[in-house]
Amino acid sequence: MKELFDNKRILLVVAHPDDELLGVGGTIHKLKTLFNATITVVILGEGITSRSNMRDIKKWENELKRHRSNIEDAKKILGYDELSLHSFPDIDLIAFPY
């Protein structure tokens, strides 16, 4: 198993903030600590504004700031190397044209 993951580059793409933590957080930590993998996490949705009937980023500005800070804290705890945060609306990811 060591030769399979040792020093590999891994890209993890998730739809929502906390998917990387709750979904594969243990695996990320293990790949980083046991196999010295380089891990990049991409989070597509911003995770907050879908809690309202209308997407109003200004209304959620403070919560989004705190949310991003929590995501950075989770990154430090899990130990992955890079984070790419995007601001797509959570619930409407499927509605975006390709």
PDB file of N, CA and C in Angstrom:
ATOM      1  N   MET A   1       0.825  -1.184   0.000  1.00  0.00           N
ATOM      2  CA  MET A   1       0.000   0.000   0.000  1.00  0.00           C
ATOM      3  C   MET A   1       0.874   1.255   0.000  1.00  0.00           C
ATOM      4  N   LYS A   2       1.985   1.219   0.700  1.00  0.00           N
ATOM      5  CA  LYS A   2       2.843   2.393   0.800  1.00  0.00           C
ATOM      6  C   LYS A   2       3.301   2.859  -0.571  1.00  0.00           C
ATOM      7  N   GLU A   3       3.722   1.959  -1.412  1.00  0.00           N
ATOM      8  CA  GLU A   3       4.210   2.350  -2.741  1.00  0.00           C
ATOM      9  C   GLU A   3       3.087   2.914  -3.626  1.00  0.00           C
ATOM     10  N   LEU A   4       1.861   2.564  -3.340  1.00  0.00           N
ATOM     11  CA  LEU A   4       0.725   3.071  -4.107  1.00  0.00           C
ATOM     12  C   LEU A   4       0.466   4.558  -3.845  1.00  0.00           C
ATOM     13  N   PHE A   5       0.629   4.998  -2.587  1.00  0.00           N
ATOM     14  CA  PHE A   5       0.298   6.375  -2.216  1.00  0.00           C
ATOM     15  C   PHE A   5       1.502   7.232  -1.832  1.00  0.00           C
ATOM     16  N   ASP A   6       2.655   6.636  -1.661  1.00  0.00           N
ATOM     17  CA  ASP A   6       3.821   7.371  -1.193  1.00  0.00           C
ATOM     18  C   ASP A   6       4.181   8.532  -2.114  1.00  0.00           C
ATOM     19  N   ASN A   7       4.199   9.741  -1.538  1.00  0.00           N
ATOM     20  CA  ASN A   7       4.595  10.969  -2.241  1.00  0.00           C
ATOM     21  C   ASN A   7       3.751  11.278  -3.479  1.00  0.00           C
ATOM     22  N   LYS A   8       2.522  10.836  -3.518  1.00  0.00           N
ATOM     23  CA  LYS A   8       1.640  11.106  -4.665  1.00  0.00           C
ATOM     24  C   LYS A   8       0.990  12.470  -4.542  1.00  0.00           C
ATOM     25  N   ARG A   9       0.523  12.984  -5.670  1.00  0.00           N
ATOM     26  CA  ARG A   9      -0.270  14.217  -5.704  1.00  0.00           C
ATOM     27  C   ARG A   9      -1.734  13.820  -5.850  1.00  0.00           C
ATOM     28  N   ILE A  10      -2.572  14.324  -4.961  1.00  0.00           N
ATOM     29  CA  ILE A  10      -3.985  13.939  -4.936  1.00  0.00           C
ATOM     30  C   ILE A  10      -4.846  15.197  -5.018  1.00  0.00           C
ATOM     31  N   LEU A  11      -5.843  15.144  -5.893  1.00  0.00           N
ATOM     32  CA  LEU A  11      -6.802  16.238  -6.043  1.00  0.00           C
ATOM     33  C   LEU A  11      -8.159  15.743  -5.569  1.00  0.00           C
ATOM     34  N   LEU A  12      -8.753  16.480  -4.641  1.00  0.00           N
ATOM     35  CA  LEU A  12     -10.071  16.147  -4.124  1.00  0.00           C
ATOM     36  C   LEU A  12     -11.010  17.302  -4.449  1.00  0.00           C
ATOM     37  N   VAL A  13     -12.078  17.018  -5.192  1.00  0.00           N
ATOM     38  CA  VAL A  13     -13.063  18.030  -5.547  1.00  0.00           C
ATOM     39  C   VAL A  13     -14.371  17.675  -4.848  1.00  0.00           C
ATOM     40  N   VAL A  14     -14.891  18.635  -4.067  1.00  0.00           N
ATOM     41  CA  VAL A  14     -16.149  18.419  -3.340  1.00  0.00           C
ATOM     42  C   VAL A  14     -17.121  19.542  -3.657  1.00  0.00           C
ATOM     43  N   ALA A  15     -18.391  19.263  -3.500  1.00  0.00           N
ATOM     44  CA  ALA A  15     -19.425  20.247  -3.813  1.00  0.00           C
ATOM     45  C   ALA A  15     -19.573  21.309  -2.735  1.00  0.00           C
ATOM     46  N   HIS A  16     -19.522  20.914  -1.476  1.00  0.00           N
ATOM     47  CA  HIS A  16     -19.844  21.826  -0.375  1.00  0.00           C
ATOM     48  C   HIS A  16     -18.733  21.865   0.661  1.00  0.00           C
ATOM     49  N   PRO A  17     -18.589  22.999   1.339  1.00  0.00           N
ATOM     50  CA  PRO A  17     -17.676  23.039   2.480  1.00  0.00           C
ATOM     51  C   PRO A  17     -18.129  22.024   3.526  1.00  0.00           C
ATOM     52  N   ASP A  18     -17.247  21.362   4.099  1.00  0.00           N
ATOM     53  CA  ASP A  18     -17.338  20.297   5.106  1.00  0.00           C
ATOM     54  C   ASP A  18     -17.432  18.913   4.477  1.00  0.00           C
ATOM     55  N   ASP A  19     -17.668  18.828   3.155  1.00  0.00           N
ATOM     56  CA  ASP A  19     -17.657  17.510   2.504  1.00  0.00           C
ATOM     57  C   ASP A  19     -16.269  16.881   2.592  1.00  0.00           C
ATOM     58  N   GLU A  20     -15.232  17.714   2.499  1.00  0.00           N
ATOM     59  CA  GLU A  20     -13.866  17.203   2.600  1.00  0.00           C
ATOM     60  C   GLU A  20     -13.569  16.734   4.020  1.00  0.00           C
ATOM     61  N   LEU A  21     -14.197  17.368   4.980  1.00  0.00           N
ATOM     62  CA  LEU A  21     -13.965  17.039   6.384  1.00  0.00           C
ATOM     63  C   LEU A  21     -14.766  15.809   6.806  1.00  0.00           C
ATOM     64  N   LEU A  22     -16.075  15.853   6.575  1.00  0.00           N
ATOM     65  CA  LEU A  22     -16.947  14.758   6.999  1.00  0.00           C
ATOM     66  C   LEU A  22     -16.853  13.540   6.091  1.00  0.00           C
ATOM     67  N   GLY A  23     -16.622  13.776   4.804  1.00  0.00           N
ATOM     68  CA  GLY A  23     -16.587  12.670   3.853  1.00  0.00           C
ATOM     69  C   GLY A  23     -15.297  11.874   3.883  1.00  0.00           C
ATOM     70  N   VAL A  24     -14.173  12.564   3.738  1.00  0.00           N
ATOM     71  CA  VAL A  24     -12.894  11.850   3.624  1.00  0.00           C
ATOM     72  C   VAL A  24     -11.804  12.457   4.503  1.00  0.00           C
ATOM     73  N   GLY A  25     -12.204  13.157   5.555  1.00  0.00           N
ATOM     74  CA  GLY A  25     -11.226  13.801   6.429  1.00  0.00           C
ATOM     75  C   GLY A  25     -10.189  12.851   6.995  1.00  0.00           C
ATOM     76  N   GLY A  26     -10.618  11.693   7.452  1.00  0.00           N
ATOM     77  CA  GLY A  26      -9.686  10.701   7.994  1.00  0.00           C
ATOM     78  C   GLY A  26      -8.720  10.194   6.939  1.00  0.00           C
ATOM     79  N   THR A  27      -9.223  10.003   5.741  1.00  0.00           N
ATOM     80  CA  THR A  27      -8.377   9.536   4.642  1.00  0.00           C
ATOM     81  C   THR A  27      -7.352  10.599   4.254  1.00  0.00           C
ATOM     82  N   ILE A  28      -7.792  11.863   4.204  1.00  0.00           N
ATOM     83  CA  ILE A  28      -6.861  12.956   3.903  1.00  0.00           C
ATOM     84  C   ILE A  28      -5.734  12.960   4.929  1.00  0.00           C
ATOM     85  N   HIS A  29      -6.097  12.913   6.194  1.00  0.00           N
ATOM     86  CA  HIS A  29      -5.097  12.942   7.260  1.00  0.00           C
ATOM     87  C   HIS A  29      -4.136  11.750   7.146  1.00  0.00           C
ATOM     88  N   LYS A  30      -4.675  10.590   6.871  1.00  0.00           N
ATOM     89  CA  LYS A  30      -3.842   9.393   6.753  1.00  0.00           C
ATOM     90  C   LYS A  30      -2.901   9.480   5.557  1.00  0.00           C
ATOM     91  N   LEU A  31      -3.415   9.901   4.406  1.00  0.00           N
ATOM     92  CA  LEU A  31      -2.575  10.033   3.211  1.00  0.00           C
ATOM     93  C   LEU A  31      -1.447  11.033   3.434  1.00  0.00           C
ATOM     94  N   LYS A  32      -1.756  12.090   4.181  1.00  0.00           N
ATOM     95  CA  LYS A  32      -0.756  13.122   4.449  1.00  0.00           C
ATOM     96  C   LYS A  32       0.287  12.634   5.446  1.00  0.00           C
ATOM     97  N   THR A  33      -0.155  12.059   6.551  1.00  0.00           N
ATOM     98  CA  THR A  33       0.785  11.699   7.618  1.00  0.00           C
ATOM     99  C   THR A  33       1.546  10.404   7.344  1.00  0.00           C
ATOM    100  N   LEU A  34       0.893   9.407   6.775  1.00  0.00           N
ATOM    101  CA  LEU A  34       1.568   8.121   6.546  1.00  0.00           C
ATOM    102  C   LEU A  34       2.299   8.044   5.213  1.00  0.00           C
ATOM    103  N   PHE A  35       1.800   8.749   4.197  1.00  0.00           N
ATOM    104  CA  PHE A  35       2.357   8.597   2.857  1.00  0.00           C
ATOM    105  C   PHE A  35       2.944   9.881   2.284  1.00  0.00           C
ATOM    106  N   ASN A  36       2.922  10.959   3.063  1.00  0.00           N
ATOM    107  CA  ASN A  36       3.471  12.234   2.618  1.00  0.00           C
ATOM    108  C   ASN A  36       2.910  12.671   1.263  1.00  0.00           C
ATOM    109  N   ALA A  37       1.642  12.412   1.040  1.00  0.00           N
ATOM    110  CA  ALA A  37       0.989  12.815  -0.212  1.00  0.00           C
ATOM    111  C   ALA A  37       0.815  14.328  -0.218  1.00  0.00           C
ATOM    112  N   THR A  38       0.850  14.910  -1.410  1.00  0.00           N
ATOM    113  CA  THR A  38       0.548  16.323  -1.598  1.00  0.00           C
ATOM    114  C   THR A  38      -0.915  16.406  -2.000  1.00  0.00           C
ATOM    115  N   ILE A  39      -1.731  17.057  -1.183  1.00  0.00           N
ATOM    116  CA  ILE A  39      -3.182  17.032  -1.384  1.00  0.00           C
ATOM    117  C   ILE A  39      -3.716  18.436  -1.620  1.00  0.00           C
ATOM    118  N   THR A  40      -4.472  18.571  -2.702  1.00  0.00           N
ATOM    119  CA  THR A  40      -5.165  19.804  -3.029  1.00  0.00           C
ATOM    120  C   THR A  40      -6.657  19.542  -2.937  1.00  0.00           C
ATOM    121  N   VAL A  41      -7.365  20.420  -2.238  1.00  0.00           N
ATOM    122  CA  VAL A  41      -8.812  20.305  -2.093  1.00  0.00           C
ATOM    123  C   VAL A  41      -9.467  21.473  -2.821  1.00  0.00           C
ATOM    124  N   VAL A  42     -10.462  21.159  -3.662  1.00  0.00           N
ATOM    125  CA  VAL A  42     -11.245  22.169  -4.363  1.00  0.00           C
ATOM    126  C   VAL A  42     -12.673  22.077  -3.821  1.00  0.00           C
ATOM    127  N   ILE A  43     -13.174  23.198  -3.291  1.00  0.00           N
ATOM    128  CA  ILE A  43     -14.541  23.261  -2.779  1.00  0.00           C
ATOM    129  C   ILE A  43     -15.327  24.192  -3.693  1.00  0.00           C
ATOM    130  N   LEU A  44     -16.358  23.670  -4.341  1.00  0.00           N
ATOM    131  CA  LEU A  44     -17.088  24.429  -5.356  1.00  0.00           C
ATOM    132  C   LEU A  44     -18.123  25.391  -4.773  1.00  0.00           C
ATOM    133  N   GLY A  45     -18.934  24.942  -3.853  1.00  0.00           N
ATOM    134  CA  GLY A  45     -20.017  25.765  -3.312  1.00  0.00           C
ATOM    135  C   GLY A  45     -19.572  26.577  -2.115  1.00  0.00           C
ATOM    136  N   GLU A  46     -20.231  27.718  -1.888  1.00  0.00           N
ATOM    137  CA  GLU A  46     -19.837  28.563  -0.768  1.00  0.00           C
ATOM    138  C   GLU A  46     -20.484  28.158   0.548  1.00  0.00           C
ATOM    139  N   GLY A  47     -21.566  27.425   0.510  1.00  0.00           N
ATOM    140  CA  GLY A  47     -22.064  26.780   1.714  1.00  0.00           C
ATOM    141  C   GLY A  47     -22.972  27.551   2.636  1.00  0.00           C
ATOM    142  N   ILE A  48     -23.357  28.757   2.309  1.00  0.00           N
ATOM    143  CA  ILE A  48     -24.140  29.548   3.251  1.00  0.00           C
ATOM    144  C   ILE A  48     -25.432  30.092   2.645  1.00  0.00           C
ATOM    145  N   THR A  49     -25.346  30.765   1.512  1.00  0.00           N
ATOM    146  CA  THR A  49     -26.483  31.544   1.019  1.00  0.00           C
ATOM    147  C   THR A  49     -27.688  30.699   0.623  1.00  0.00           C
ATOM    148  N   SER A  50     -27.508  29.415   0.436  1.00  0.00           N
ATOM    149  CA  SER A  50     -28.647  28.569   0.088  1.00  0.00           C
ATOM    150  C   SER A  50     -29.596  28.372   1.275  1.00  0.00           C
ATOM    151  N   ARG A  51     -29.217  28.866   2.421  1.00  0.00           N
ATOM    152  CA  ARG A  51     -30.074  28.778   3.605  1.00  0.00           C
ATOM    153  C   ARG A  51     -31.211  29.796   3.563  1.00  0.00           C
ATOM    154  N   SER A  52     -31.179  30.663   2.566  1.00  0.00           N
ATOM    155  CA  SER A  52     -32.180  31.711   2.432  1.00  0.00           C
ATOM    156  C   SER A  52     -32.973  31.484   1.142  1.00  0.00           C
ATOM    157  N   ASN A  53     -34.133  32.090   1.042  1.00  0.00           N
ATOM    158  CA  ASN A  53     -34.943  31.963  -0.174  1.00  0.00           C
ATOM    159  C   ASN A  53     -34.299  32.651  -1.374  1.00  0.00           C
ATOM    160  N   MET A  54     -33.554  33.728  -1.113  1.00  0.00           N
ATOM    161  CA  MET A  54     -32.859  34.455  -2.173  1.00  0.00           C
ATOM    162  C   MET A  54     -31.369  34.479  -1.868  1.00  0.00           C
ATOM    163  N   ARG A  55     -30.563  34.331  -2.907  1.00  0.00           N
ATOM    164  CA  ARG A  55     -29.116  34.366  -2.726  1.00  0.00           C
ATOM    165  C   ARG A  55     -28.666  35.824  -2.682  1.00  0.00           C
ATOM    166  N   ASP A  56     -28.348  36.288  -1.481  1.00  0.00           N
ATOM    167  CA  ASP A  56     -27.901  37.651  -1.278  1.00  0.00           C
ATOM    168  C   ASP A  56     -26.572  37.595  -0.522  1.00  0.00           C
ATOM    169  N   ILE A  57     -25.483  37.687  -1.272  1.00  0.00           N
ATOM    170  CA  ILE A  57     -24.161  37.549  -0.680  1.00  0.00           C
ATOM    171  C   ILE A  57     -23.883  38.644   0.348  1.00  0.00           C
ATOM    172  N   LYS A  58     -24.363  39.870   0.085  1.00  0.00           N
ATOM    173  CA  LYS A  58     -24.159  40.973   1.039  1.00  0.00           C
ATOM    174  C   LYS A  58     -24.781  40.652   2.399  1.00  0.00           C
ATOM    175  N   LYS A  59     -25.981  40.064   2.373  1.00  0.00           N
ATOM    176  CA  LYS A  59     -26.688  39.717   3.612  1.00  0.00           C
ATOM    177  C   LYS A  59     -25.882  38.719   4.448  1.00  0.00           C
ATOM    178  N   TRP A  60     -25.157  37.847   3.786  1.00  0.00           N
ATOM    179  CA  TRP A  60     -24.428  36.772   4.452  1.00  0.00           C
ATOM    180  C   TRP A  60     -22.926  37.054   4.578  1.00  0.00           C
ATOM    181  N   GLU A  61     -22.521  38.292   4.326  1.00  0.00           N
ATOM    182  CA  GLU A  61     -21.100  38.631   4.264  1.00  0.00           C
ATOM    183  C   GLU A  61     -20.315  38.202   5.517  1.00  0.00           C
ATOM    184  N   ASN A  62     -20.810  38.516   6.691  1.00  0.00           N
ATOM    185  CA  ASN A  62     -20.111  38.148   7.934  1.00  0.00           C
ATOM    186  C   ASN A  62     -20.048  36.634   8.116  1.00  0.00           C
ATOM    187  N   GLU A  63     -21.152  35.962   7.834  1.00  0.00           N
ATOM    188  CA  GLU A  63     -21.182  34.507   7.969  1.00  0.00           C
ATOM    189  C   GLU A  63     -20.232  33.848   6.969  1.00  0.00           C
ATOM    190  N   LEU A  64     -20.184  34.366   5.747  1.00  0.00           N
ATOM    191  CA  LEU A  64     -19.281  33.817   4.736  1.00  0.00           C
ATOM    192  C   LEU A  64     -17.822  33.994   5.154  1.00  0.00           C
ATOM    193  N   LYS A  65     -17.503  35.129   5.739  1.00  0.00           N
ATOM    194  CA  LYS A  65     -16.137  35.386   6.218  1.00  0.00           C
ATOM    195  C   LYS A  65     -15.757  34.379   7.310  1.00  0.00           C
ATOM    196  N   ARG A  66     -16.656  34.199   8.264  1.00  0.00           N
ATOM    197  CA  ARG A  66     -16.421  33.243   9.347  1.00  0.00           C
ATOM    198  C   ARG A  66     -16.337  31.817   8.798  1.00  0.00           C
ATOM    199  N   HIS A  67     -17.201  31.518   7.835  1.00  0.00           N
ATOM    200  CA  HIS A  67     -17.219  30.196   7.208  1.00  0.00           C
ATOM    201  C   HIS A  67     -15.884  29.899   6.525  1.00  0.00           C
ATOM    202  N   ARG A  68     -15.373  30.872   5.780  1.00  0.00           N
ATOM    203  CA  ARG A  68     -14.072  30.695   5.111  1.00  0.00           C
ATOM    204  C   ARG A  68     -12.959  30.488   6.129  1.00  0.00           C
ATOM    205  N   SER A  69     -13.033  31.205   7.227  1.00  0.00           N
ATOM    206  CA  SER A  69     -12.042  31.036   8.292  1.00  0.00           C
ATOM    207  C   SER A  69     -12.109  29.623   8.879  1.00  0.00           C
ATOM    208  N   ASN A  70     -13.325  29.108   9.070  1.00  0.00           N
ATOM    209  CA  ASN A  70     -13.495  27.731   9.568  1.00  0.00           C
ATOM    210  C   ASN A  70     -12.930  26.712   8.584  1.00  0.00           C
ATOM    211  N   ILE A  71     -13.114  26.975   7.293  1.00  0.00           N
ATOM    212  CA  ILE A  71     -12.581  26.072   6.266  1.00  0.00           C
ATOM    213  C   ILE A  71     -11.052  26.062   6.332  1.00  0.00           C
ATOM    214  N   GLU A  72     -10.445  27.234   6.508  1.00  0.00           N
ATOM    215  CA  GLU A  72      -8.983  27.321   6.649  1.00  0.00           C
ATOM    216  C   GLU A  72      -8.513  26.574   7.900  1.00  0.00           C
ATOM    217  N   ASP A  73      -9.269  26.681   8.989  1.00  0.00           N
ATOM    218  CA  ASP A  73      -8.930  25.950  10.214  1.00  0.00           C
ATOM    219  C   ASP A  73      -8.981  24.442   9.982  1.00  0.00           C
ATOM    220  N   ALA A  74     -10.001  23.988   9.267  1.00  0.00           N
ATOM    221  CA  ALA A  74     -10.119  22.554   8.963  1.00  0.00           C
ATOM    222  C   ALA A  74      -8.943  22.097   8.103  1.00  0.00           C
ATOM    223  N   LYS A  75      -8.530  22.935   7.166  1.00  0.00           N
ATOM    224  CA  LYS A  75      -7.365  22.627   6.320  1.00  0.00           C
ATOM    225  C   LYS A  75      -6.129  22.388   7.187  1.00  0.00           C
ATOM    226  N   LYS A  76      -5.914  23.257   8.158  1.00  0.00           N
ATOM    227  CA  LYS A  76      -4.750  23.119   9.043  1.00  0.00           C
ATOM    228  C   LYS A  76      -4.824  21.834   9.864  1.00  0.00           C
ATOM    229  N   ILE A  77      -6.013  21.522  10.354  1.00  0.00           N
ATOM    230  CA  ILE A  77      -6.180  20.327  11.183  1.00  0.00           C
ATOM    231  C   ILE A  77      -5.958  19.060  10.372  1.00  0.00           C
ATOM    232  N   LEU A  78      -6.562  18.998   9.175  1.00  0.00           N
ATOM    233  CA  LEU A  78      -6.406  17.813   8.331  1.00  0.00           C
ATOM    234  C   LEU A  78      -5.010  17.731   7.738  1.00  0.00           C
ATOM    235  N   GLY A  79      -4.386  18.888   7.514  1.00  0.00           N
ATOM    236  CA  GLY A  79      -3.007  18.903   7.054  1.00  0.00           C
ATOM    237  C   GLY A  79      -2.816  18.884   5.554  1.00  0.00           C
ATOM    238  N   TYR A  80      -3.862  19.161   4.770  1.00  0.00           N
ATOM    239  CA  TYR A  80      -3.638  19.147   3.325  1.00  0.00           C
ATOM    240  C   TYR A  80      -2.942  20.412   2.871  1.00  0.00           C
ATOM    241  N   ASP A  81      -2.406  20.382   1.655  1.00  0.00           N
ATOM    242  CA  ASP A  81      -1.465  21.405   1.210  1.00  0.00           C
ATOM    243  C   ASP A  81      -2.098  22.642   0.594  1.00  0.00           C
ATOM    244  N   GLU A  82      -3.058  22.449  -0.277  1.00  0.00           N
ATOM    245  CA  GLU A  82      -3.635  23.583  -0.989  1.00  0.00           C
ATOM    246  C   GLU A  82      -5.152  23.532  -0.944  1.00  0.00           C
ATOM    247  N   LEU A  83      -5.741  24.725  -0.996  1.00  0.00           N
ATOM    248  CA  LEU A  83      -7.189  24.857  -0.982  1.00  0.00           C
ATOM    249  C   LEU A  83      -7.605  25.830  -2.065  1.00  0.00           C
ATOM    250  N   SER A  84      -8.572  25.425  -2.864  1.00  0.00           N
ATOM    251  CA  SER A  84      -9.154  26.306  -3.871  1.00  0.00           C
ATOM    252  C   SER A  84     -10.636  26.434  -3.545  1.00  0.00           C
ATOM    253  N   LEU A  85     -11.023  27.630  -3.076  1.00  0.00           N
ATOM    254  CA  LEU A  85     -12.405  27.890  -2.666  1.00  0.00           C
ATOM    255  C   LEU A  85     -13.140  28.649  -3.758  1.00  0.00           C
ATOM    256  N   HIS A  86     -14.333  28.182  -4.077  1.00  0.00           N
ATOM    257  CA  HIS A  86     -15.154  28.851  -5.085  1.00  0.00           C
ATOM    258  C   HIS A  86     -16.470  29.279  -4.449  1.00  0.00           C
ATOM    259  N   SER A  87     -17.226  30.091  -5.143  1.00  0.00           N
ATOM    260  CA  SER A  87     -18.437  30.669  -4.554  1.00  0.00           C
ATOM    261  C   SER A  87     -19.700  30.331  -5.323  1.00  0.00           C
ATOM    262  N   PHE A  88     -19.761  29.149  -5.890  1.00  0.00           N
ATOM    263  CA  PHE A  88     -20.997  28.745  -6.549  1.00  0.00           C
ATOM    264  C   PHE A  88     -22.086  28.571  -5.500  1.00  0.00           C
ATOM    265  N   PRO A  89     -23.343  28.871  -5.856  1.00  0.00           N
ATOM    266  CA  PRO A  89     -24.425  28.645  -4.894  1.00  0.00           C
ATOM    267  C   PRO A  89     -24.616  27.150  -4.668  1.00  0.00           C
ATOM    268  N   ASP A  90     -24.667  26.745  -3.432  1.00  0.00           N
ATOM    269  CA  ASP A  90     -24.728  25.326  -3.061  1.00  0.00           C
ATOM    270  C   ASP A  90     -25.769  24.501  -3.802  1.00  0.00           C
ATOM    271  N   ILE A  91     -26.995  24.863  -3.596  1.00  0.00           N
ATOM    272  CA  ILE A  91     -28.103  24.052  -4.073  1.00  0.00           C
ATOM    273  C   ILE A  91     -28.212  24.086  -5.596  1.00  0.00           C
ATOM    274  N   ASP A  92     -27.741  25.160  -6.209  1.00  0.00           N
ATOM    275  CA  ASP A  92     -27.922  25.349  -7.643  1.00  0.00           C
ATOM    276  C   ASP A  92     -26.724  24.914  -8.489  1.00  0.00           C
ATOM    277  N   LEU A  93     -25.825  24.131  -7.954  1.00  0.00           N
ATOM    278  CA  LEU A  93     -24.664  23.699  -8.738  1.00  0.00           C
ATOM    279  C   LEU A  93     -25.065  23.024 -10.040  1.00  0.00           C
ATOM    280  N   ILE A  94     -26.117  22.248 -10.002  1.00  0.00           N
ATOM    281  CA  ILE A  94     -26.574  21.511 -11.171  1.00  0.00           C
ATOM    282  C   ILE A  94     -27.154  22.428 -12.251  1.00  0.00           C
ATOM    283  N   ALA A  95     -27.563  23.628 -11.870  1.00  0.00           N
ATOM    284  CA  ALA A  95     -28.202  24.549 -12.805  1.00  0.00           C
ATOM    285  C   ALA A  95     -27.202  25.364 -13.631  1.00  0.00           C
ATOM    286  N   PHE A  96     -25.914  25.303 -13.288  1.00  0.00           N
ATOM    287  CA  PHE A  96     -24.933  26.092 -14.038  1.00  0.00           C
ATOM    288  C   PHE A  96     -24.680  25.476 -15.405  1.00  0.00           C
ATOM    289  N   PRO A  97     -24.619  26.314 -16.447  1.00  0.00           N
ATOM    290  CA  PRO A  97     -24.301  25.802 -17.786  1.00  0.00           C
ATOM    291  C   PRO A  97     -22.841  25.386 -17.851  1.00  0.00           C
ATOM    292  N   TYR A  98     -22.557  24.418 -18.680  1.00  0.00           N
ATOM    293  CA  TYR A  98     -21.182  23.910 -18.801  1.00  0.00           C
ATOM    294  C   TYR A  98     -20.481  24.558 -19.964  1.00  0.00           C
TER     295      TYR A  98
END
